[in-house]
N, C-alpha and C. Protein backbone atom coordinates (compact mmCIF):
# COMPACT_ATOMS: atom_id res chain seq x y z
N MET A 1 -0.13 -4.77 0.64
CA MET A 1 1.05 -4.76 0.85
C MET A 1 0.72 -4.36 2.51
N THR A 2 1.50 -5.68 3.70
CA THR A 2 1.32 -4.79 4.69
C THR A 2 2.32 -4.98 5.48
N PHE A 3 2.60 -3.45 5.86
CA PHE A 3 3.72 -2.74 6.79
C PHE A 3 3.90 -3.56 8.18
N SER A 4 5.18 -3.48 8.80
CA SER A 4 5.17 -3.79 10.22
C SER A 4 5.68 -2.72 10.56
N PHE A 5 5.21 -1.70 11.27
CA PHE A 5 5.35 -0.55 11.86
C PHE A 5 6.04 -0.86 13.39
N GLU A 6 7.32 0.06 13.68
CA GLU A 6 7.51 0.44 15.42
C GLU A 6 6.86 1.81 15.32
N ALA A 7 6.43 2.19 16.15
CA ALA A 7 6.27 3.56 16.25
C ALA A 7 6.47 3.94 18.17
N ARG A 8 6.61 4.84 18.16
CA ARG A 8 6.54 5.86 19.48
C ARG A 8 6.30 7.33 19.81
N PRO A 9 5.84 7.60 20.96
CA PRO A 9 6.26 8.84 20.78
C PRO A 9 6.68 9.90 21.03
N SER A 10 6.41 11.48 21.06
CA SER A 10 7.45 11.85 21.35
C SER A 10 7.39 12.90 22.10
N ASP A 11 8.93 13.43 23.10
CA ASP A 11 8.35 14.67 23.93
C ASP A 11 8.19 16.20 22.96
N SER A 12 8.40 15.96 22.08
CA SER A 12 8.54 17.00 21.52
C SER A 12 7.04 17.77 21.39
N ALA A 13 7.05 19.01 21.47
CA ALA A 13 5.72 19.59 20.82
C ALA A 13 5.27 20.21 19.98
N TYR A 14 6.63 19.72 18.66
CA TYR A 14 6.48 19.66 17.48
C TYR A 14 5.95 18.50 16.85
N VAL A 15 5.85 17.52 17.55
CA VAL A 15 6.24 16.27 16.50
C VAL A 15 4.89 15.12 17.14
N ASP A 16 4.16 14.86 16.35
CA ASP A 16 3.13 13.99 16.64
C ASP A 16 3.54 12.51 16.71
N GLY A 17 4.40 12.11 15.68
CA GLY A 17 5.18 10.71 16.34
C GLY A 17 6.17 10.40 15.51
N VAL A 18 6.77 9.65 16.09
CA VAL A 18 8.29 8.61 15.21
C VAL A 18 8.08 7.55 15.02
N TRP A 19 8.22 7.37 13.38
CA TRP A 19 8.24 5.32 13.35
C TRP A 19 9.14 4.54 12.37
N ARG A 20 9.24 3.59 12.17
CA ARG A 20 10.06 2.81 11.46
C ARG A 20 9.88 1.99 10.67
N THR A 21 10.17 0.89 9.63
CA THR A 21 10.21 0.28 9.15
C THR A 21 10.76 -0.51 8.02
N SER A 22 11.10 -1.58 7.87
CA SER A 22 11.60 -2.03 6.33
C SER A 22 11.04 -2.98 5.71
N THR A 23 11.71 -3.24 4.69
CA THR A 23 10.62 -4.11 3.37
C THR A 23 11.54 -5.72 3.01
N GLU A 24 11.25 -6.48 2.80
CA GLU A 24 11.53 -7.54 2.31
C GLU A 24 12.12 -7.88 0.69
N THR A 25 10.27 -7.79 0.54
CA THR A 25 10.39 -7.73 -1.13
C THR A 25 10.19 -6.75 -1.97
N SER A 26 10.18 -6.30 -2.85
CA SER A 26 9.93 -5.07 -3.75
C SER A 26 8.07 -5.14 -3.78
N GLY A 27 7.38 -3.92 -4.00
CA GLY A 27 5.81 -4.31 -4.18
C GLY A 27 5.32 -2.98 -4.11
N SER A 28 3.73 -2.74 -3.82
CA SER A 28 3.29 -1.07 -3.95
C SER A 28 2.32 -1.36 -2.64
N PHE A 29 1.80 0.10 -2.66
CA PHE A 29 0.75 -0.07 -1.86
C PHE A 29 0.26 0.84 -2.27
N THR A 30 -1.05 1.16 -1.55
CA THR A 30 -1.24 2.80 -1.50
C THR A 30 -1.09 3.78 -0.02
N SER A 31 -0.37 4.66 -0.66
CA SER A 31 -0.40 5.99 0.29
C SER A 31 -1.25 6.15 0.26
N VAL A 32 -2.13 6.81 1.38
CA VAL A 32 -3.44 7.49 1.78
C VAL A 32 -3.14 9.05 2.30
N ALA A 33 -4.41 9.51 1.87
CA ALA A 33 -4.23 11.06 2.30
C ALA A 33 -3.86 11.52 3.87
N GLN A 34 -2.81 12.56 3.78
CA GLN A 34 -2.19 12.79 5.19
C GLN A 34 -2.68 14.13 5.30
N ILE A 35 -2.47 14.82 6.41
CA ILE A 35 -2.89 16.45 6.53
C ILE A 35 -1.27 16.91 7.28
N ASN A 36 -0.26 15.76 7.84
CA ASN A 36 1.14 16.22 8.32
C ASN A 36 2.27 16.51 7.17
N TRP A 37 3.14 17.40 7.85
CA TRP A 37 3.81 17.45 7.34
C TRP A 37 4.83 16.65 7.83
N GLY A 38 6.04 15.76 7.17
CA GLY A 38 7.03 15.13 7.66
C GLY A 38 8.54 15.14 7.32
N ILE A 39 9.53 14.51 7.90
CA ILE A 39 10.35 14.09 7.20
C ILE A 39 10.93 12.45 7.43
N VAL A 40 11.45 11.84 6.29
CA VAL A 40 11.62 10.45 5.98
C VAL A 40 12.99 10.52 5.84
N VAL A 41 13.55 8.94 6.75
CA VAL A 41 14.83 8.70 6.49
C VAL A 41 14.70 7.52 5.82
N SER A 42 15.42 7.62 4.50
CA SER A 42 15.30 5.80 3.66
C SER A 42 17.38 5.41 3.76
N ARG A 43 17.43 3.93 3.75
CA ARG A 43 18.66 3.60 3.60
C ARG A 43 18.14 2.29 2.98
N TYR A 44 19.16 2.38 1.37
CA TYR A 44 19.34 1.46 0.60
C TYR A 44 20.12 1.01 -0.16
N GLN A 45 20.63 -0.31 -0.28
CA GLN A 45 21.80 -0.37 -0.98
C GLN A 45 23.47 0.42 -0.61
N GLY A 46 23.23 0.15 0.68
CA GLY A 46 23.96 1.52 1.58
C GLY A 46 24.00 2.63 1.37
N LYS A 47 23.26 3.57 0.70
CA LYS A 47 23.15 5.36 0.24
C LYS A 47 21.94 5.33 1.57
N THR A 48 21.67 6.45 2.05
CA THR A 48 21.12 7.14 2.92
C THR A 48 20.37 8.22 2.62
N VAL A 49 19.16 8.72 2.38
CA VAL A 49 18.02 9.83 1.58
C VAL A 49 17.12 10.42 2.85
N VAL A 50 17.37 11.96 3.28
CA VAL A 50 16.60 12.41 3.50
C VAL A 50 16.01 13.09 3.04
N THR A 51 14.58 13.16 2.92
CA THR A 51 13.18 13.41 2.08
C THR A 51 12.30 14.26 3.42
N VAL A 52 12.03 15.23 2.53
CA VAL A 52 10.87 15.95 3.42
C VAL A 52 9.50 15.82 2.24
N ARG A 53 8.54 15.44 3.04
CA ARG A 53 7.41 15.53 2.67
C ARG A 53 6.23 16.58 3.38
N GLY A 54 5.11 16.51 2.54
CA GLY A 54 3.99 17.13 2.74
C GLY A 54 2.87 16.70 2.89
N PRO A 55 1.69 17.36 3.06
CA PRO A 55 0.46 16.52 3.29
C PRO A 55 0.41 15.83 1.72
N GLU A 56 -0.82 14.80 1.76
CA GLU A 56 -1.75 14.65 0.39
C GLU A 56 -2.71 14.74 0.67
N THR A 57 -3.66 15.30 -0.49
CA THR A 57 -5.02 15.65 -0.68
C THR A 57 -5.38 14.46 -0.90
N GLN A 58 -4.93 13.09 -1.26
CA GLN A 58 -5.95 12.03 -1.86
C GLN A 58 -4.74 10.92 -1.99
N ALA A 59 -5.19 9.99 -2.03
CA ALA A 59 -4.64 8.39 -2.15
C ALA A 59 -4.06 8.27 -3.32
N SER A 60 -3.09 7.62 -3.45
CA SER A 60 -2.36 7.71 -4.97
C SER A 60 -1.20 6.34 -4.59
N PRO A 61 -1.00 5.57 -5.71
CA PRO A 61 -0.21 4.05 -5.50
C PRO A 61 0.78 4.54 -5.35
N ALA A 62 2.18 3.67 -4.56
CA ALA A 62 3.29 3.95 -4.13
C ALA A 62 4.10 2.39 -4.65
N ALA A 63 5.25 2.56 -5.28
CA ALA A 63 6.05 1.17 -5.14
C ALA A 63 7.17 1.57 -4.27
N PHE A 64 8.18 0.61 -3.91
CA PHE A 64 9.04 0.30 -2.99
C PHE A 64 10.10 -0.48 -3.39
N PRO A 65 11.34 -0.84 -3.18
CA PRO A 65 11.89 -1.85 -4.04
C PRO A 65 12.30 -2.46 -2.38
N ALA A 66 13.09 -3.65 -2.55
CA ALA A 66 13.51 -4.55 -1.32
C ALA A 66 14.70 -4.50 -0.77
N ASP A 67 14.15 -4.70 0.23
CA ASP A 67 15.60 -4.32 1.17
C ASP A 67 15.78 -2.87 1.61
N VAL A 68 14.70 -2.36 1.88
CA VAL A 68 14.48 -0.74 2.46
C VAL A 68 14.53 -0.24 3.84
N GLU A 69 15.07 0.65 4.24
CA GLU A 69 14.79 0.25 6.21
C GLU A 69 14.46 2.04 5.94
N PHE A 70 12.88 2.14 6.42
CA PHE A 70 12.55 3.88 6.74
C PHE A 70 12.61 4.35 7.93
N PHE A 71 12.63 5.62 8.29
CA PHE A 71 12.13 6.07 9.60
C PHE A 71 12.06 7.29 9.37
N GLY A 72 10.49 7.97 9.92
CA GLY A 72 9.96 8.82 9.52
C GLY A 72 9.98 9.70 10.68
N ILE A 73 9.53 11.03 11.00
CA ILE A 73 9.06 11.85 12.02
C ILE A 73 8.10 12.36 11.34
N ARG A 74 6.59 12.16 11.65
CA ARG A 74 5.42 13.11 12.04
C ARG A 74 5.26 14.35 12.82
N PHE A 75 5.18 15.13 11.66
CA PHE A 75 4.94 16.52 12.97
C PHE A 75 3.46 16.92 12.61
N LYS A 76 3.58 17.65 14.17
CA LYS A 76 1.85 17.87 14.36
C LYS A 76 1.30 19.07 13.40
N LEU A 77 -0.17 18.73 13.13
CA LEU A 77 -0.68 19.46 12.36
C LEU A 77 -0.54 21.05 12.60
N GLY A 78 0.07 21.72 12.19
CA GLY A 78 0.24 23.43 12.03
C GLY A 78 1.94 23.71 12.41
N THR A 79 2.69 22.48 12.49
CA THR A 79 3.89 22.61 12.32
C THR A 79 4.83 22.15 10.81
N PHE A 80 5.88 23.15 10.32
CA PHE A 80 6.13 22.91 8.99
C PHE A 80 7.06 24.25 8.89
N MET A 81 7.87 24.00 7.83
CA MET A 81 8.95 24.78 7.51
C MET A 81 8.66 26.15 6.37
N PRO A 82 9.15 27.23 7.27
CA PRO A 82 8.67 28.74 6.86
C PRO A 82 9.72 28.90 5.66
N HIS A 83 10.60 28.22 4.96
CA HIS A 83 11.53 28.27 4.26
C HIS A 83 10.93 27.46 2.66
N LEU A 84 9.90 26.44 2.76
CA LEU A 84 9.51 25.64 2.04
C LEU A 84 8.12 26.29 1.84
N PRO A 85 7.34 26.72 0.74
CA PRO A 85 6.09 26.86 0.65
C PRO A 85 5.81 25.27 0.03
N ALA A 86 4.03 24.95 1.19
CA ALA A 86 3.69 23.81 1.35
C ALA A 86 3.15 23.13 -0.09
N LYS A 87 3.09 24.04 -1.57
CA LYS A 87 2.70 23.23 -2.26
C LYS A 87 4.05 22.98 -3.05
N THR A 88 5.03 23.05 -2.43
CA THR A 88 6.51 22.75 -3.74
C THR A 88 6.50 21.07 -2.79
N VAL A 89 6.10 21.14 -1.86
CA VAL A 89 6.28 19.06 -1.11
C VAL A 89 4.86 18.00 -1.42
N MET A 90 3.99 19.01 -1.06
CA MET A 90 2.92 18.13 -1.11
C MET A 90 2.34 17.37 -2.22
N ASP A 91 1.71 16.20 -1.98
CA ASP A 91 1.35 15.57 -3.00
C ASP A 91 2.04 14.78 -3.63
N ARG A 92 3.23 14.31 -2.51
CA ARG A 92 3.92 13.54 -3.03
C ARG A 92 5.64 14.06 -4.16
N ARG A 93 4.96 15.63 -3.95
CA ARG A 93 6.42 16.03 -4.41
C ARG A 93 7.16 16.53 -3.58
N ASP A 94 7.90 15.25 -2.95
CA ASP A 94 8.95 15.11 -1.72
C ASP A 94 10.43 15.82 -2.78
N LEU A 95 10.63 16.65 -1.85
CA LEU A 95 12.05 16.85 -1.57
C LEU A 95 13.80 16.09 -1.18
N ASN A 96 14.15 15.50 -2.24
CA ASN A 96 15.06 15.20 -1.16
C ASN A 96 16.39 15.73 -0.71
N LEU A 97 16.84 15.62 0.00
CA LEU A 97 18.09 16.65 0.60
C LEU A 97 19.50 15.92 0.27
N PRO A 98 20.48 17.19 -0.52
CA PRO A 98 21.62 16.37 -1.08
C PRO A 98 22.17 15.67 -0.15
N GLU A 99 22.86 14.96 0.04
CA GLU A 99 24.24 14.39 0.70
C GLU A 99 25.15 14.87 0.91
N ALA A 100 25.93 15.06 2.02
CA ALA A 100 26.70 15.49 2.28
C ALA A 100 28.08 14.40 2.27
N CYS A 101 28.90 14.53 3.42
CA CYS A 101 30.14 13.14 3.78
C CYS A 101 29.75 13.02 5.27
N ASN A 102 30.44 11.64 5.37
CA ASN A 102 30.28 11.37 6.58
C ASN A 102 29.11 11.19 7.25
N ASN A 103 28.33 10.18 6.67
CA ASN A 103 26.80 10.36 7.74
C ASN A 103 26.16 11.66 8.02
N SER A 104 25.93 12.23 6.65
CA SER A 104 25.32 13.69 6.82
C SER A 104 24.92 14.46 5.58
N PHE A 105 23.98 15.41 5.98
CA PHE A 105 22.90 15.69 4.38
C PHE A 105 23.54 17.22 4.49
N TRP A 106 22.65 17.99 3.39
CA TRP A 106 22.83 19.74 3.09
C TRP A 106 21.71 19.82 3.15
N PHE A 107 21.07 21.07 4.26
CA PHE A 107 20.05 21.45 4.56
C PHE A 107 19.78 23.18 5.00
N HIS A 108 19.53 23.82 4.07
CA HIS A 108 19.31 25.10 4.12
C HIS A 108 21.03 25.98 4.34
N SER A 109 21.57 25.33 3.31
CA SER A 109 23.17 25.98 3.52
C SER A 109 24.31 25.16 4.54
N SER A 110 23.61 24.48 5.20
CA SER A 110 24.45 23.75 6.65
C SER A 110 24.80 22.15 6.33
N THR A 111 25.36 21.42 6.60
CA THR A 111 25.34 20.30 6.87
C THR A 111 24.72 19.66 8.24
N TRP A 112 24.44 18.91 8.26
CA TRP A 112 23.58 18.29 9.12
C TRP A 112 23.56 16.38 9.35
N GLU A 113 23.59 15.98 10.44
CA GLU A 113 23.90 14.59 10.70
C GLU A 113 22.84 14.11 10.75
N MET A 114 23.07 12.85 9.79
CA MET A 114 21.97 12.36 10.04
C MET A 114 20.73 11.66 11.14
N PRO A 115 19.29 11.82 11.11
CA PRO A 115 19.03 11.73 12.13
C PRO A 115 19.08 9.95 12.12
N THR A 116 18.05 9.68 13.97
CA THR A 116 18.30 7.88 13.84
C THR A 116 16.12 8.26 14.59
N PHE A 117 15.89 7.04 14.49
CA PHE A 117 14.93 6.56 15.24
C PHE A 117 15.07 6.97 16.81
N GLU A 118 16.29 7.02 17.10
CA GLU A 118 16.23 7.27 18.30
C GLU A 118 16.65 8.82 19.20
N ASN A 119 17.14 9.29 18.37
CA ASN A 119 17.92 11.15 18.28
C ASN A 119 17.00 11.58 17.56
N ALA A 120 15.73 10.95 17.38
CA ALA A 120 14.85 12.21 16.40
C ALA A 120 14.56 13.49 16.97
N ASP A 121 13.93 13.16 18.42
CA ASP A 121 13.63 14.86 19.49
C ASP A 121 14.80 15.76 19.01
N THR A 122 16.15 14.82 19.53
CA THR A 122 17.21 16.18 19.58
C THR A 122 17.49 16.80 18.11
N PHE A 123 17.15 16.15 16.99
CA PHE A 123 17.37 16.80 15.27
C PHE A 123 16.27 17.67 15.51
N VAL A 124 14.69 17.37 15.90
CA VAL A 124 14.07 18.60 15.69
C VAL A 124 14.29 19.53 16.64
N ASP A 125 14.67 19.64 18.06
CA ASP A 125 15.13 20.71 18.37
C ASP A 125 16.21 21.54 17.73
N ARG A 126 16.81 20.53 17.15
CA ARG A 126 18.08 21.72 16.64
C ARG A 126 17.27 22.27 15.53
N LEU A 127 16.19 22.10 14.18
CA LEU A 127 15.74 22.39 13.64
C LEU A 127 14.59 23.81 14.16
N VAL A 128 14.19 23.40 15.22
CA VAL A 128 13.63 24.66 15.84
C VAL A 128 14.25 25.82 16.54
N SER A 129 15.59 25.19 16.72
CA SER A 129 15.97 26.38 17.84
C SER A 129 17.35 27.19 16.08
N GLU A 130 17.07 26.54 14.82
CA GLU A 130 17.31 27.14 13.78
C GLU A 130 16.59 27.95 12.76
N GLY A 131 14.90 27.87 13.39
CA GLY A 131 14.29 28.66 12.71
C GLY A 131 13.50 28.25 11.29
N LEU A 132 13.72 26.38 11.46
CA LEU A 132 13.74 26.23 10.22
C LEU A 132 12.39 25.21 10.12
N LEU A 133 12.02 25.02 11.88
CA LEU A 133 10.62 24.20 11.99
C LEU A 133 10.17 25.20 12.53
N VAL A 134 9.09 25.42 12.78
CA VAL A 134 7.85 26.36 13.63
C VAL A 134 6.45 25.75 13.51
N HIS A 135 5.29 26.36 14.47
CA HIS A 135 4.72 25.90 14.50
C HIS A 135 3.23 26.93 14.16
N GLU A 136 2.37 26.87 14.04
CA GLU A 136 1.32 28.10 13.56
C GLU A 136 0.13 28.07 14.88
N PRO A 137 0.26 28.95 15.81
CA PRO A 137 -0.82 28.58 17.18
C PRO A 137 -2.55 29.25 16.29
N VAL A 138 -2.50 29.25 15.31
CA VAL A 138 -3.62 29.63 14.92
C VAL A 138 -4.82 28.69 14.18
N VAL A 139 -3.57 27.34 13.91
CA VAL A 139 -3.93 26.07 13.56
C VAL A 139 -4.21 25.05 14.66
N ASP A 140 -4.05 25.43 15.97
CA ASP A 140 -4.35 24.43 17.14
C ASP A 140 -5.68 25.83 17.51
N ALA A 141 -5.68 26.89 17.21
CA ALA A 141 -6.93 27.88 18.53
C ALA A 141 -7.93 27.50 17.29
N VAL A 142 -8.06 27.64 15.97
CA VAL A 142 -9.15 26.90 14.97
C VAL A 142 -9.69 25.41 14.91
N LEU A 143 -8.82 24.37 15.43
CA LEU A 143 -8.96 23.20 15.52
C LEU A 143 -9.71 22.69 17.01
N GLN A 144 -9.39 24.02 18.06
CA GLN A 144 -9.73 23.69 19.15
C GLN A 144 -11.33 24.75 19.52
N GLY A 145 -12.04 24.81 18.33
CA GLY A 145 -13.06 26.22 18.28
C GLY A 145 -12.48 27.46 19.13
N GLN A 146 -11.79 27.94 19.39
CA GLN A 146 -11.36 29.50 19.95
C GLN A 146 -10.64 30.25 18.47
N PRO A 147 -11.13 30.17 17.51
CA PRO A 147 -11.01 31.42 16.96
C PRO A 147 -9.88 32.72 17.14
N PRO A 148 -8.83 33.02 16.67
CA PRO A 148 -8.20 33.52 17.19
C PRO A 148 -8.85 35.19 16.85
N ASP A 149 -8.70 36.57 17.26
CA ASP A 149 -9.15 37.45 17.31
C ASP A 149 -8.02 38.53 16.03
N LEU A 150 -8.54 37.76 14.67
CA LEU A 150 -8.09 38.16 13.44
C LEU A 150 -9.39 38.01 12.82
N SER A 151 -9.01 38.38 11.76
CA SER A 151 -10.06 38.73 10.74
C SER A 151 -9.85 37.16 9.40
N PRO A 152 -11.53 36.67 9.66
CA PRO A 152 -11.88 35.52 8.97
C PRO A 152 -10.92 35.13 7.62
N ARG A 153 -10.29 36.14 6.66
CA ARG A 153 -9.07 35.88 6.20
C ARG A 153 -8.25 35.82 6.35
N ALA A 154 -7.79 36.71 7.76
CA ALA A 154 -6.69 36.66 7.80
C ALA A 154 -6.44 34.39 8.34
N VAL A 155 -7.47 34.58 9.11
CA VAL A 155 -7.59 33.13 10.01
C VAL A 155 -7.04 32.26 8.91
N GLN A 156 -7.94 32.40 7.80
CA GLN A 156 -7.44 31.38 6.50
C GLN A 156 -6.24 31.04 5.89
N TYR A 157 -5.88 32.39 6.03
CA TYR A 157 -4.33 32.73 5.41
C TYR A 157 -3.54 32.00 6.14
N ARG A 158 -3.30 32.06 7.31
CA ARG A 158 -2.51 31.40 8.41
C ARG A 158 -2.38 30.01 8.45
N PHE A 159 -3.46 29.40 8.55
CA PHE A 159 -4.10 28.21 8.42
C PHE A 159 -3.47 27.64 6.96
N LEU A 160 -4.13 27.90 5.78
CA LEU A 160 -3.43 27.98 4.65
C LEU A 160 -1.89 27.87 4.63
N HIS A 161 -1.34 28.87 5.17
CA HIS A 161 0.13 29.03 4.81
C HIS A 161 1.24 27.66 5.28
N ALA A 162 0.33 27.50 7.06
CA ALA A 162 0.90 26.81 7.60
C ALA A 162 0.84 25.23 6.98
N THR A 163 -0.35 24.92 6.70
CA THR A 163 -0.89 23.27 6.52
C THR A 163 -0.40 23.35 4.64
N GLY A 164 -1.17 24.10 4.08
CA GLY A 164 -0.77 23.67 2.56
C GLY A 164 -2.63 23.29 2.45
N LEU A 165 -3.16 23.31 3.34
CA LEU A 165 -4.69 22.61 3.69
C LEU A 165 -5.65 23.85 3.99
N THR A 166 -7.20 23.38 3.39
CA THR A 166 -8.57 24.03 3.77
C THR A 166 -8.80 23.86 5.48
N GLN A 167 -9.49 24.19 6.08
CA GLN A 167 -10.18 23.44 6.79
C GLN A 167 -10.87 22.60 6.48
N LYS A 168 -11.64 22.58 5.70
CA LYS A 168 -12.47 22.06 4.98
C LYS A 168 -11.96 20.13 4.24
N THR A 169 -10.97 20.34 4.12
CA THR A 169 -10.22 19.34 3.61
C THR A 169 -9.51 18.72 4.80
N VAL A 170 -8.82 19.36 5.49
CA VAL A 170 -8.63 18.95 7.14
C VAL A 170 -9.35 17.49 7.59
N HIS A 171 -10.61 18.97 7.47
CA HIS A 171 -12.09 17.87 8.15
C HIS A 171 -12.25 16.41 7.02
N GLN A 172 -12.38 16.86 6.29
CA GLN A 172 -12.55 15.70 5.10
C GLN A 172 -12.05 14.51 5.72
N ILE A 173 -10.60 14.99 5.42
CA ILE A 173 -8.93 13.62 5.14
C ILE A 173 -9.21 13.23 7.03
N GLU A 174 -9.75 13.79 7.86
CA GLU A 174 -9.55 13.14 9.01
C GLU A 174 -11.17 12.34 9.64
N ARG A 175 -11.84 12.90 8.79
CA ARG A 175 -13.27 11.98 9.24
C ARG A 175 -13.32 10.47 8.09
N ALA A 176 -12.43 10.70 7.28
CA ALA A 176 -11.87 9.28 6.13
C ALA A 176 -11.40 8.27 7.01
N GLN A 177 -10.37 9.14 8.20
CA GLN A 177 -8.90 8.44 8.54
C GLN A 177 -10.33 7.86 10.18
N GLN A 178 -10.84 8.44 10.27
CA GLN A 178 -11.99 7.81 11.24
C GLN A 178 -12.83 6.86 10.84
N SER A 179 -13.30 7.16 9.72
CA SER A 179 -14.29 6.19 8.85
C SER A 179 -13.30 4.48 9.11
N ALA A 180 -12.61 5.24 8.22
CA ALA A 180 -11.44 3.64 8.48
C ALA A 180 -11.30 2.66 9.11
N ALA A 181 -11.02 3.08 10.22
CA ALA A 181 -10.89 2.95 11.70
C ALA A 181 -11.95 2.15 12.14
N LEU A 182 -13.07 3.04 11.92
CA LEU A 182 -14.43 2.15 12.57
C LEU A 182 -14.46 0.87 11.74
N LEU A 183 -14.44 1.12 10.23
CA LEU A 183 -14.77 -0.48 9.78
C LEU A 183 -13.78 -1.71 9.78
N GLU A 184 -12.28 -0.96 10.34
CA GLU A 184 -11.27 -1.98 10.93
C GLU A 184 -11.28 -2.36 12.18
N GLN A 185 -12.64 -1.98 12.29
CA GLN A 185 -12.94 -2.37 14.13
C GLN A 185 -14.14 -2.76 14.41
N GLY A 186 -14.37 -2.70 12.96
CA GLY A 186 -15.58 -4.63 12.85
C GLY A 186 -16.77 -3.26 12.63
N VAL A 187 -17.37 -1.99 13.05
CA VAL A 187 -18.34 -1.46 12.95
C VAL A 187 -19.17 -1.36 11.42
N SER A 188 -20.46 -1.83 11.17
CA SER A 188 -20.95 -1.81 10.40
C SER A 188 -20.89 -0.53 9.13
N ILE A 189 -20.83 -0.89 8.07
CA ILE A 189 -21.18 0.70 6.71
C ILE A 189 -21.92 1.55 7.08
N LEU A 190 -23.30 0.76 7.49
CA LEU A 190 -24.69 1.60 7.76
C LEU A 190 -23.87 2.71 9.43
N ASP A 191 -23.47 2.20 10.11
CA ASP A 191 -22.74 2.72 11.56
C ASP A 191 -21.64 3.44 11.68
N THR A 192 -21.02 3.33 10.70
CA THR A 192 -20.21 4.24 10.17
C THR A 192 -20.33 5.38 9.20
N VAL A 193 -21.43 5.37 8.05
CA VAL A 193 -21.71 6.21 7.93
C VAL A 193 -22.41 7.44 9.13
N TYR A 194 -23.66 6.49 9.84
CA TYR A 194 -24.10 7.58 11.42
C TYR A 194 -23.01 8.43 11.87
N GLN A 195 -21.96 7.49 12.40
CA GLN A 195 -21.26 7.96 13.08
C GLN A 195 -19.69 8.86 12.84
N ALA A 196 -19.67 8.28 11.74
CA ALA A 196 -18.69 9.58 10.97
C ALA A 196 -19.15 10.66 10.25
N GLY A 197 -20.79 10.70 10.32
CA GLY A 197 -21.85 11.85 10.19
C GLY A 197 -21.80 12.40 8.44
N TYR A 198 -21.45 10.88 7.52
CA TYR A 198 -21.86 11.39 6.39
C TYR A 198 -23.45 11.11 6.19
N PHE A 199 -23.30 12.12 4.66
CA PHE A 199 -25.06 11.91 4.60
C PHE A 199 -26.08 10.68 4.13
N ASP A 200 -24.95 9.78 3.43
CA ASP A 200 -25.46 8.57 3.00
C ASP A 200 -24.24 7.53 2.53
N GLN A 201 -24.31 6.00 1.78
CA GLN A 201 -23.12 5.44 2.08
C GLN A 201 -22.46 5.68 0.70
N ALA A 202 -23.37 5.89 -0.22
CA ALA A 202 -22.28 6.57 -1.26
C ALA A 202 -21.57 8.03 -0.91
N HIS A 203 -21.94 8.33 -0.40
CA HIS A 203 -21.19 9.72 0.15
C HIS A 203 -19.72 9.30 1.14
N LEU A 204 -20.20 8.32 1.85
CA LEU A 204 -18.98 7.41 2.62
C LEU A 204 -17.79 6.86 1.33
N THR A 205 -18.83 6.07 0.57
CA THR A 205 -18.02 5.69 -0.40
C THR A 205 -17.05 6.15 -1.07
N ARG A 206 -17.21 7.35 -1.78
CA ARG A 206 -16.68 8.67 -2.43
C ARG A 206 -15.90 9.10 -2.02
N SER A 207 -15.88 9.42 -0.54
CA SER A 207 -14.50 9.94 0.72
C SER A 207 -13.73 8.97 0.61
N LEU A 208 -14.09 7.60 1.04
CA LEU A 208 -13.02 6.67 0.82
C LEU A 208 -11.83 6.51 0.01
N LYS A 209 -12.52 6.60 -1.26
CA LYS A 209 -11.87 5.90 -2.30
C LYS A 209 -11.29 7.63 -2.86
N ARG A 210 -11.08 7.95 -2.42
CA ARG A 210 -10.35 9.75 -2.62
C ARG A 210 -9.16 10.10 -1.55
N PHE A 211 -10.37 9.79 -0.44
CA PHE A 211 -8.79 9.92 0.96
C PHE A 211 -7.82 8.72 1.49
N MET A 212 -8.92 7.75 0.95
CA MET A 212 -7.86 6.22 1.40
C MET A 212 -7.09 5.46 0.50
N GLY A 213 -8.07 5.51 -0.71
CA GLY A 213 -7.78 4.21 -1.99
C GLY A 213 -8.37 3.14 -1.60
N GLN A 214 -9.57 3.05 -1.31
CA GLN A 214 -10.74 1.93 -1.01
C GLN A 214 -11.84 2.30 -1.05
N THR A 215 -12.81 1.24 -0.99
CA THR A 215 -14.22 2.04 -0.67
C THR A 215 -14.41 0.25 0.60
N PRO A 216 -15.47 1.66 1.29
CA PRO A 216 -15.71 1.04 2.61
C PRO A 216 -15.64 -0.62 2.99
N MET A 217 -16.41 -1.51 1.87
CA MET A 217 -16.10 -3.19 1.47
C MET A 217 -14.84 -3.47 1.33
N GLN A 218 -13.86 -2.87 0.68
CA GLN A 218 -12.51 -3.04 0.75
C GLN A 218 -11.61 -3.22 1.93
N ILE A 219 -12.25 -2.24 2.97
CA ILE A 219 -11.46 -1.53 4.17
C ILE A 219 -12.14 -2.83 4.87
N ALA A 220 -13.19 -2.62 4.96
CA ALA A 220 -13.34 -4.08 6.03
C ALA A 220 -13.24 -5.01 5.84
N GLY A 221 -13.23 -5.85 4.65
CA GLY A 221 -12.67 -7.17 3.77
C GLY A 221 -11.66 -7.31 4.28
N LEU A 222 -10.91 -6.55 4.00
CA LEU A 222 -9.20 -6.56 4.01
C LEU A 222 -8.93 -6.92 5.57
N LYS A 223 -9.58 -6.21 6.60
CA LYS A 223 -9.20 -6.36 8.01
C LYS A 223 -9.56 -7.80 8.30
N GLN A 224 -10.45 -7.97 7.63
CA GLN A 224 -11.44 -9.05 7.83
C GLN A 224 -10.25 -10.84 7.61
N SER A 225 -9.46 -10.32 6.42
CA SER A 225 -9.11 -11.11 5.88
C SER A 225 -7.52 -11.59 7.16
N GLU A 226 -7.24 -10.21 7.38
CA GLU A 226 -6.17 -10.40 8.29
C GLU A 226 -6.42 -10.94 9.76
């Protein structure tokens, strides 16, 4: 199933992007591994649901009904909700927030107006101002190759606490995503192995099956068929 996504950048330092899509028929798709936290708002049969989603460490099948509208906020890596341990919302253990009334929902003992694709940045600003969304600077420092003046154990703890992932897992998922993008661009499998830094084709195949839910040939063939 191919979705037609509309996406836009965000001015917020906490947001990686904002997106929306909709379905006409029911079906299923492969939910690929993701390193980011996010919020998804879905509208179905007159009901709106706000869902907090954590990272995903492997690909998995997911089903959807017809006539659903989705809009999502994808947070930057290292941005998280300190009152929600990452392990409670990881790997599709999604948290649906209780509906209130008058187009609002309950979150952390307060009512919140349903966010929209257009006002997502304002919604995020309120989350930040109330301390419900924070960013861990240690994550940025590590990714930029500038380890902070902390012990390796402290760095590891703060990275894991913020992302729910180890540095190794983040690297593995990002490399799989890069490899899938190369294959979709028409790069050969062997060249993808070399450019992405895998040991051999078997190593690439194992990685893509785990994180993207498809083999290199399936990813390349799917793009060609489109």
